[in-house]
PDB file of N, CA and C in Angstrom:
ATOM      1  N   UNK A   1     -16.395  25.070  15.962  1.00  0.00           N
ATOM      2  CA  UNK A   1     -15.910  23.800  15.948  1.00  0.00           C
ATOM      3  C   UNK A   1     -15.678  23.477  17.025  1.00  0.00           C
ATOM      4  N   UNK A   2     -15.516  22.284  17.297  1.00  0.00           N
ATOM      5  CA  UNK A   2     -15.926  21.911  19.213  1.00  0.00           C
ATOM      6  C   UNK A   2     -14.036  21.129  18.970  1.00  0.00           C
ATOM      7  N   UNK A   3     -14.032  21.695  20.576  1.00  0.00           N
ATOM      8  CA  UNK A   3     -12.943  20.983  20.713  1.00  0.00           C
ATOM      9  C   UNK A   3     -12.331  19.992  20.354  1.00  0.00           C
ATOM     10  N   UNK A   4     -13.610  18.901  20.594  1.00  0.00           N
ATOM     11  CA  UNK A   4     -13.133  17.443  19.916  1.00  0.00           C
ATOM     12  C   UNK A   4     -12.665  17.359  18.709  1.00  0.00           C
ATOM     13  N   UNK A   5     -13.082  18.082  17.549  1.00  0.00           N
ATOM     14  CA  UNK A   5     -12.793  18.062  16.539  1.00  0.00           C
ATOM     15  C   UNK A   5     -11.183  19.329  16.478  1.00  0.00           C
ATOM     16  N   UNK A   6     -10.926  19.715  17.042  1.00  0.00           N
ATOM     17  CA  UNK A   6     -10.101  20.524  16.901  1.00  0.00           C
ATOM     18  C   UNK A   6      -9.018  19.090  17.095  1.00  0.00           C
ATOM     19  N   UNK A   7      -8.845  18.894  18.208  1.00  0.00           N
ATOM     20  CA  UNK A   7      -8.401  17.612  18.505  1.00  0.00           C
ATOM     21  C   UNK A   7      -8.239  16.221  17.612  1.00  0.00           C
ATOM     22  N   UNK A   8      -8.904  16.517  16.810  1.00  0.00           N
ATOM     23  CA  UNK A   8      -9.207  14.913  16.140  1.00  0.00           C
ATOM     24  C   UNK A   8      -7.945  15.728  14.536  1.00  0.00           C
ATOM     25  N   UNK A   9      -8.257  16.886  14.366  1.00  0.00           N
ATOM     26  CA  UNK A   9      -7.610  18.149  13.380  1.00  0.00           C
ATOM     27  C   UNK A   9      -6.223  17.310  13.545  1.00  0.00           C
ATOM     28  N   UNK A  10      -5.763  17.909  15.090  1.00  0.00           N
ATOM     29  CA  UNK A  10      -4.369  17.779  15.206  1.00  0.00           C
ATOM     30  C   UNK A  10      -3.789  16.553  14.806  1.00  0.00           C
ATOM     31  N   UNK A  11      -4.009  15.820  15.056  1.00  0.00           N
ATOM     32  CA  UNK A  11      -4.009  14.294  15.131  1.00  0.00           C
ATOM     33  C   UNK A  11      -3.599  14.002  13.931  1.00  0.00           C
ATOM     34  N   UNK A  12      -4.214  14.432  12.943  1.00  0.00           N
ATOM     35  CA  UNK A  12      -4.452  14.056  11.608  1.00  0.00           C
ATOM     36  C   UNK A  12      -3.705  14.547  11.102  1.00  0.00           C
ATOM     37  N   UNK A  13      -3.497  15.779  11.376  1.00  0.00           N
ATOM     38  CA  UNK A  13      -2.349  17.321  10.737  1.00  0.00           C
ATOM     39  C   UNK A  13      -1.157  16.724  11.122  1.00  0.00           C
ATOM     40  N   UNK A  14      -0.913  16.263  12.082  1.00  0.00           N
ATOM     41  CA  UNK A  14       0.414  15.470  13.326  1.00  0.00           C
ATOM     42  C   UNK A  14       0.582  14.415  11.804  1.00  0.00           C
ATOM     43  N   UNK A  15      -0.051  13.479  11.851  1.00  0.00           N
ATOM     44  CA  UNK A  15       0.110  11.944  10.812  1.00  0.00           C
ATOM     45  C   UNK A  15       0.624  12.887   9.611  1.00  0.00           C
ATOM     46  N   UNK A  16      -0.504  13.492   8.725  1.00  0.00           N
ATOM     47  CA  UNK A  16       0.200  14.271   7.395  1.00  0.00           C
ATOM     48  C   UNK A  16       1.311  15.118   7.647  1.00  0.00           C
ATOM     49  N   UNK A  17       1.594  15.974   8.390  1.00  0.00           N
ATOM     50  CA  UNK A  17       3.061  16.183   8.694  1.00  0.00           C
ATOM     51  C   UNK A  17       4.046  15.249   9.147  1.00  0.00           C
ATOM     52  N   UNK A  18       4.084  14.342   9.630  1.00  0.00           N
ATOM     53  CA  UNK A  18       4.846  13.246   9.694  1.00  0.00           C
ATOM     54  C   UNK A  18       4.846  12.319   8.452  1.00  0.00           C
ATOM     55  N   UNK A  19       4.443  12.178   7.595  1.00  0.00           N
ATOM     56  CA  UNK A  19       4.187  11.086   6.214  1.00  0.00           C
ATOM     57  C   UNK A  19       4.970  12.566   5.366  1.00  0.00           C
ATOM     58  N   UNK A  20       4.633  13.552   5.523  1.00  0.00           N
ATOM     59  CA  UNK A  20       5.431  14.407   4.642  1.00  0.00           C
ATOM     60  C   UNK A  20       7.246  14.472   4.930  1.00  0.00           C
ATOM     61  N   UNK A  21       7.459  14.741   5.979  1.00  0.00           N
ATOM     62  CA  UNK A  21       9.043  14.460   6.193  1.00  0.00           C
ATOM     63  C   UNK A  21       9.326  13.258   6.363  1.00  0.00           C
ATOM     64  N   UNK A  22       8.525  12.150   6.212  1.00  0.00           N
ATOM     65  CA  UNK A  22       9.275  10.892   5.832  1.00  0.00           C
ATOM     66  C   UNK A  22      10.015  10.953   4.450  1.00  0.00           C
ATOM     67  N   UNK A  23       9.362  11.677   3.642  1.00  0.00           N
ATOM     68  CA  UNK A  23       9.761  11.281   2.519  1.00  0.00           C
ATOM     69  C   UNK A  23       8.890  10.430   1.464  1.00  0.00           C
ATOM     70  N   UNK A  24       7.901   9.905   1.964  1.00  0.00           N
ATOM     71  CA  UNK A  24       7.895   8.686   1.278  1.00  0.00           C
ATOM     72  C   UNK A  24       6.010   9.462   0.459  1.00  0.00           C
ATOM     73  N   UNK A  25       6.743   9.352  -0.419  1.00  0.00           N
ATOM     74  CA  UNK A  25       5.227  10.278  -0.909  1.00  0.00           C
ATOM     75  C   UNK A  25       3.850   9.053  -0.884  1.00  0.00           C
ATOM     76  N   UNK A  26       4.215   8.081  -1.199  1.00  0.00           N
ATOM     77  CA  UNK A  26       3.065   7.056  -1.144  1.00  0.00           C
ATOM     78  C   UNK A  26       2.326   7.149   0.467  1.00  0.00           C
ATOM     79  N   UNK A  27       3.017   7.236   1.599  1.00  0.00           N
ATOM     80  CA  UNK A  27       2.704   7.467   2.671  1.00  0.00           C
ATOM     81  C   UNK A  27       2.063   9.085   2.608  1.00  0.00           C
ATOM     82  N   UNK A  28       2.455   9.918   2.044  1.00  0.00           N
ATOM     83  CA  UNK A  28       2.128  11.179   2.085  1.00  0.00           C
ATOM     84  C   UNK A  28       0.942  11.555   1.384  1.00  0.00           C
ATOM     85  N   UNK A  29       0.900  10.995   0.285  1.00  0.00           N
ATOM     86  CA  UNK A  29      -0.429  10.933  -1.044  1.00  0.00           C
ATOM     87  C   UNK A  29      -1.520  10.108  -0.087  1.00  0.00           C
ATOM     88  N   UNK A  30      -1.249   9.179   0.742  1.00  0.00           N
ATOM     89  CA  UNK A  30      -2.300   8.602   0.979  1.00  0.00           C
ATOM     90  C   UNK A  30      -2.709   9.752   2.688  1.00  0.00           C
ATOM     91  N   UNK A  31      -2.317  10.101   3.521  1.00  0.00           N
ATOM     92  CA  UNK A  31      -2.623  10.428   4.836  1.00  0.00           C
ATOM     93  C   UNK A  31      -3.295  11.990   3.989  1.00  0.00           C
ATOM     94  N   UNK A  32      -2.356  12.321   2.659  1.00  0.00           N
ATOM     95  CA  UNK A  32      -3.487  13.777   2.231  1.00  0.00           C
ATOM     96  C   UNK A  32      -4.876  12.976   1.829  1.00  0.00           C
ATOM     97  N   UNK A  33      -5.095  12.408   1.071  1.00  0.00           N
ATOM     98  CA  UNK A  33      -6.175  11.360   0.608  1.00  0.00           C
ATOM     99  C   UNK A  33      -7.442  11.817   2.216  1.00  0.00           C
ATOM    100  N   UNK A  34      -6.335  10.988   3.006  1.00  0.00           N
ATOM    101  CA  UNK A  34      -7.855  10.474   4.104  1.00  0.00           C
ATOM    102  C   UNK A  34      -7.923  11.975   4.745  1.00  0.00           C
ATOM    103  N   UNK A  35      -6.715  13.019   5.204  1.00  0.00           N
ATOM    104  CA  UNK A  35      -7.524  14.393   5.057  1.00  0.00           C
ATOM    105  C   UNK A  35      -8.319  15.096   4.451  1.00  0.00           C
ATOM    106  N   UNK A  36      -8.748  14.703   3.373  1.00  0.00           N
ATOM    107  CA  UNK A  36      -9.406  15.669   2.219  1.00  0.00           C
ATOM    108  C   UNK A  36     -10.556  14.591   2.559  1.00  0.00           C
ATOM    109  N   UNK A  37     -10.370  13.384   2.414  1.00  0.00           N
ATOM    110  CA  UNK A  37     -11.927  12.747   2.791  1.00  0.00           C
ATOM    111  C   UNK A  37     -12.690  13.323   4.285  1.00  0.00           C
ATOM    112  N   UNK A  38     -11.749  13.118   5.054  1.00  0.00           N
ATOM    113  CA  UNK A  38     -12.641  13.688   6.322  1.00  0.00           C
ATOM    114  C   UNK A  38     -12.841  15.308   6.034  1.00  0.00           C
ATOM    115  N   UNK A  39     -12.454  15.953   5.696  1.00  0.00           N
ATOM    116  CA  UNK A  39     -12.755  17.629   4.882  1.00  0.00           C
ATOM    117  C   UNK A  39     -13.902  17.397   4.743  1.00  0.00           C
ATOM    118  N   UNK A  40     -14.371  16.275   3.447  1.00  0.00           N
ATOM    119  CA  UNK A  40     -15.316  16.223   2.597  1.00  0.00           C
ATOM    120  C   UNK A  40     -16.385  15.933   3.757  1.00  0.00           C
ATOM    121  N   UNK A  41     -16.229  15.330   4.664  1.00  0.00           N
ATOM    122  CA  UNK A  41     -17.492  14.604   5.078  1.00  0.00           C
ATOM    123  C   UNK A  41     -17.597  15.643   6.548  1.00  0.00           C
ATOM    124  N   UNK A  42     -17.557  16.477   7.211  1.00  0.00           N
ATOM    125  CA  UNK A  42     -17.245  17.466   7.601  1.00  0.00           C
ATOM    126  C   UNK A  42     -17.446  18.676   7.028  1.00  0.00           C
ATOM    127  N   UNK A  43     -17.948  18.889   5.648  1.00  0.00           N
ATOM    128  CA  UNK A  43     -17.928  19.728   5.008  1.00  0.00           C
ATOM    129  C   UNK A  43     -19.600  20.191   4.669  1.00  0.00           C
ATOM    130  N   UNK A  44     -19.944  21.963   4.959  1.00  0.00           N
ATOM    131  CA  UNK A  44     -21.216  22.215   4.492  1.00  0.00           C
ATOM    132  C   UNK A  44     -21.234  23.103   3.767  1.00  0.00           C
ATOM    133  N   UNK A  45     -20.076  23.867   3.113  1.00  0.00           N
ATOM    134  CA  UNK A  45     -20.585  24.412   1.896  1.00  0.00           C
ATOM    135  C   UNK A  45     -19.797  23.590   0.572  1.00  0.00           C
ATOM    136  N   UNK A  46     -21.445  23.671   0.025  1.00  0.00           N
ATOM    137  CA  UNK A  46     -21.024  22.654  -1.470  1.00  0.00           C
ATOM    138  C   UNK A  46     -20.255  23.310  -2.144  1.00  0.00           C
ATOM    139  N   UNK A  47     -19.611  24.595  -2.877  1.00  0.00           N
ATOM    140  CA  UNK A  47     -18.604  24.938  -3.267  1.00  0.00           C
ATOM    141  C   UNK A  47     -16.826  24.108  -2.626  1.00  0.00           C
ATOM    142  N   UNK A  48     -16.950  24.822  -1.958  1.00  0.00           N
ATOM    143  CA  UNK A  48     -15.974  23.721  -0.912  1.00  0.00           C
ATOM    144  C   UNK A  48     -15.235  21.980  -1.079  1.00  0.00           C
ATOM    145  N   UNK A  49     -17.195  21.862  -0.953  1.00  0.00           N
ATOM    146  CA  UNK A  49     -17.076  19.789  -1.372  1.00  0.00           C
ATOM    147  C   UNK A  49     -16.389  20.079  -2.551  1.00  0.00           C
ATOM    148  N   UNK A  50     -17.081  20.679  -3.551  1.00  0.00           N
ATOM    149  CA  UNK A  50     -17.060  19.939  -4.909  1.00  0.00           C
ATOM    150  C   UNK A  50     -15.529  20.720  -5.179  1.00  0.00           C
ATOM    151  N   UNK A  51     -14.778  21.215  -4.639  1.00  0.00           N
ATOM    152  CA  UNK A  51     -13.217  21.749  -4.874  1.00  0.00           C
ATOM    153  C   UNK A  51     -12.499  20.484  -4.149  1.00  0.00           C
ATOM    154  N   UNK A  52     -12.857  19.982  -2.509  1.00  0.00           N
ATOM    155  CA  UNK A  52     -12.177  18.941  -2.386  1.00  0.00           C
ATOM    156  C   UNK A  52     -12.696  17.172  -2.622  1.00  0.00           C
ATOM    157  N   UNK A  53     -13.786  16.867  -3.553  1.00  0.00           N
ATOM    158  CA  UNK A  53     -14.085  16.382  -3.945  1.00  0.00           C
ATOM    159  C   UNK A  53     -13.169  15.726  -5.210  1.00  0.00           C
ATOM    160  N   UNK A  54     -13.048  16.791  -6.272  1.00  0.00           N
ATOM    161  CA  UNK A  54     -11.859  16.830  -7.345  1.00  0.00           C
ATOM    162  C   UNK A  54     -10.459  16.779  -6.732  1.00  0.00           C
ATOM    163  N   UNK A  55     -10.113  17.594  -5.622  1.00  0.00           N
ATOM    164  CA  UNK A  55      -8.672  17.106  -4.861  1.00  0.00           C
ATOM    165  C   UNK A  55      -8.935  16.009  -4.596  1.00  0.00           C
ATOM    166  N   UNK A  56      -9.529  15.414  -3.849  1.00  0.00           N
ATOM    167  CA  UNK A  56      -9.515  13.647  -3.488  1.00  0.00           C
ATOM    168  C   UNK A  56      -9.595  13.190  -4.553  1.00  0.00           C
ATOM    169  N   UNK A  57     -10.273  13.204  -5.736  1.00  0.00           N
ATOM    170  CA  UNK A  57     -10.260  11.976  -7.040  1.00  0.00           C
ATOM    171  C   UNK A  57      -8.815  12.080  -7.787  1.00  0.00           C
ATOM    172  N   UNK A  58      -7.796  13.489  -7.845  1.00  0.00           N
ATOM    173  CA  UNK A  58      -6.601  13.807  -8.358  1.00  0.00           C
ATOM    174  C   UNK A  58      -5.629  12.742  -7.057  1.00  0.00           C
ATOM    175  N   UNK A  59      -5.775  12.868  -6.443  1.00  0.00           N
ATOM    176  CA  UNK A  59      -4.579  12.785  -5.290  1.00  0.00           C
ATOM    177  C   UNK A  59      -5.000  10.979  -5.249  1.00  0.00           C
ATOM    178  N   UNK A  60      -5.991  10.459  -5.099  1.00  0.00           N
ATOM    179  CA  UNK A  60      -6.207   9.080  -5.719  1.00  0.00           C
ATOM    180  C   UNK A  60      -5.961   8.726  -6.790  1.00  0.00           C
ATOM    181  N   UNK A  61      -5.787   9.127  -7.836  1.00  0.00           N
ATOM    182  CA  UNK A  61      -5.380   9.259  -9.409  1.00  0.00           C
ATOM    183  C   UNK A  61      -4.091   8.816  -9.097  1.00  0.00           C
ATOM    184  N   UNK A  62      -3.049   9.601  -8.389  1.00  0.00           N
ATOM    185  CA  UNK A  62      -1.985   9.930  -8.279  1.00  0.00           C
ATOM    186  C   UNK A  62      -1.185   8.584  -7.106  1.00  0.00           C
ATOM    187  N   UNK A  63      -1.976   8.099  -6.161  1.00  0.00           N
ATOM    188  CA  UNK A  63      -1.624   7.373  -5.650  1.00  0.00           C
ATOM    189  C   UNK A  63      -1.586   5.625  -6.791  1.00  0.00           C
ATOM    190  N   UNK A  64      -2.438   5.710  -7.385  1.00  0.00           N
ATOM    191  CA  UNK A  64      -2.611   4.370  -8.126  1.00  0.00           C
ATOM    192  C   UNK A  64      -1.742   4.811  -9.237  1.00  0.00           C
ATOM    193  N   UNK A  65      -1.151   5.797 -10.236  1.00  0.00           N
ATOM    194  CA  UNK A  65      -0.592   5.834 -10.792  1.00  0.00           C
ATOM    195  C   UNK A  65       1.205   5.644 -10.161  1.00  0.00           C
ATOM    196  N   UNK A  66       1.290   6.017  -9.049  1.00  0.00           N
ATOM    197  CA  UNK A  66       2.563   5.142  -8.453  1.00  0.00           C
ATOM    198  C   UNK A  66       2.684   3.633  -8.521  1.00  0.00           C
ATOM    199  N   UNK A  67       3.820   3.209  -8.779  1.00  0.00           N
ATOM    200  CA  UNK A  67       4.359   1.799  -9.010  1.00  0.00           C
ATOM    201  C   UNK A  67       4.003   1.066  -7.670  1.00  0.00           C
ATOM    202  N   UNK A  68       3.259  -0.318  -7.546  1.00  0.00           N
ATOM    203  CA  UNK A  68       3.104  -0.955  -6.883  1.00  0.00           C
ATOM    204  C   UNK A  68       4.360  -1.393  -5.556  1.00  0.00           C
ATOM    205  N   UNK A  69       4.189  -1.392  -4.642  1.00  0.00           N
ATOM    206  CA  UNK A  69       5.302  -1.687  -3.367  1.00  0.00           C
ATOM    207  C   UNK A  69       6.227  -2.902  -4.189  1.00  0.00           C
ATOM    208  N   UNK A  70       5.497  -3.978  -4.273  1.00  0.00           N
ATOM    209  CA  UNK A  70       6.207  -5.418  -5.102  1.00  0.00           C
ATOM    210  C   UNK A  70       6.823  -4.814  -6.891  1.00  0.00           C
ATOM    211  N   UNK A  71       6.169  -3.739  -7.240  1.00  0.00           N
ATOM    212  CA  UNK A  71       7.095  -3.654  -8.119  1.00  0.00           C
ATOM    213  C   UNK A  71       8.263  -3.125  -8.201  1.00  0.00           C
ATOM    214  N   UNK A  72       8.444  -2.350  -6.999  1.00  0.00           N
ATOM    215  CA  UNK A  72       9.825  -2.025  -6.801  1.00  0.00           C
ATOM    216  C   UNK A  72      10.693  -2.810  -5.727  1.00  0.00           C
ATOM    217  N   UNK A  73      10.842  -3.878  -5.331  1.00  0.00           N
ATOM    218  CA  UNK A  73      11.195  -4.687  -4.901  1.00  0.00           C
ATOM    219  C   UNK A  73      11.801  -4.989  -5.809  1.00  0.00           C
ATOM    220  N   UNK A  74      12.844  -5.404  -5.286  1.00  0.00           N
ATOM    221  CA  UNK A  74      14.435  -6.272  -6.081  1.00  0.00           C
ATOM    222  C   UNK A  74      14.117  -7.792  -6.387  1.00  0.00           C
ATOM    223  N   UNK A  75      14.668  -8.513  -7.285  1.00  0.00           N
ATOM    224  CA  UNK A  75      14.431  -9.734  -7.152  1.00  0.00           C
ATOM    225  C   UNK A  75      14.979 -10.408  -6.324  1.00  0.00           C
ATOM    226  N   UNK A  76      15.080 -10.316  -5.074  1.00  0.00           N
ATOM    227  CA  UNK A  76      15.805 -11.390  -4.343  1.00  0.00           C
ATOM    228  C   UNK A  76      15.230 -11.136  -3.057  1.00  0.00           C
ATOM    229  N   UNK A  77      14.341  -9.959  -3.061  1.00  0.00           N
ATOM    230  CA  UNK A  77      13.010  -9.662  -2.167  1.00  0.00           C
ATOM    231  C   UNK A  77      11.922 -10.127  -2.391  1.00  0.00           C
ATOM    232  N   UNK A  78      11.928 -10.404  -3.992  1.00  0.00           N
ATOM    233  CA  UNK A  78      10.337 -10.929  -4.491  1.00  0.00           C
ATOM    234  C   UNK A  78      10.496 -12.215  -4.254  1.00  0.00           C
ATOM    235  N   UNK A  79      12.052 -12.912  -4.557  1.00  0.00           N
ATOM    236  CA  UNK A  79      11.681 -14.605  -4.322  1.00  0.00           C
ATOM    237  C   UNK A  79      11.986 -14.491  -2.714  1.00  0.00           C
ATOM    238  N   UNK A  80      12.478 -14.333  -1.956  1.00  0.00           N
ATOM    239  CA  UNK A  80      12.090 -14.443  -0.384  1.00  0.00           C
ATOM    240  C   UNK A  80      10.810 -14.388   0.080  1.00  0.00           C
ATOM    241  N   UNK A  81       9.875 -13.271  -0.560  1.00  0.00           N
ATOM    242  CA  UNK A  81       8.896 -13.404  -0.210  1.00  0.00           C
ATOM    243  C   UNK A  81       7.690 -14.556  -0.557  1.00  0.00           C
ATOM    244  N   UNK A  82       8.020 -15.062  -2.151  1.00  0.00           N
ATOM    245  CA  UNK A  82       7.701 -16.363  -2.400  1.00  0.00           C
ATOM    246  C   UNK A  82       8.136 -17.677  -1.559  1.00  0.00           C
ATOM    247  N   UNK A  83       8.860 -17.302  -1.227  1.00  0.00           N
ATOM    248  CA  UNK A  83       9.691 -18.871  -0.703  1.00  0.00           C
ATOM    249  C   UNK A  83       9.036 -18.585   1.020  1.00  0.00           C
ATOM    250  N   UNK A  84       8.935 -17.483   1.545  1.00  0.00           N
ATOM    251  CA  UNK A  84       8.110 -17.330   2.718  1.00  0.00           C
ATOM    252  C   UNK A  84       6.739 -17.281   2.598  1.00  0.00           C
ATOM    253  N   UNK A  85       5.651 -16.744   1.770  1.00  0.00           N
ATOM    254  CA  UNK A  85       4.726 -16.938   1.522  1.00  0.00           C
ATOM    255  C   UNK A  85       4.140 -18.206   0.935  1.00  0.00           C
ATOM    256  N   UNK A  86       5.011 -19.632   0.272  1.00  0.00           N
ATOM    257  CA  UNK A  86       4.545 -21.083   0.275  1.00  0.00           C
ATOM    258  C   UNK A  86       4.235 -20.784  -1.559  1.00  0.00           C
TER     259      UNK A  86
END
């Protein structure tokens, strides 16, 4: 592992940790999805790639199953957004 890849891993770990600390499930799952995808790209082991690919698909399904930001908005906020966007 090069010094550059270690630094890159650290940056993503920090953003993953920050997402977890925020308590926002969507942000955490998105950060995890991105981290797993990067791990797959750099993976040299077929076994690890298969396991990480499976987990990536599970995380993506979890993200899709979350209510969209629009459905969690209040009626007031939806009307305000509609008015502001025309």
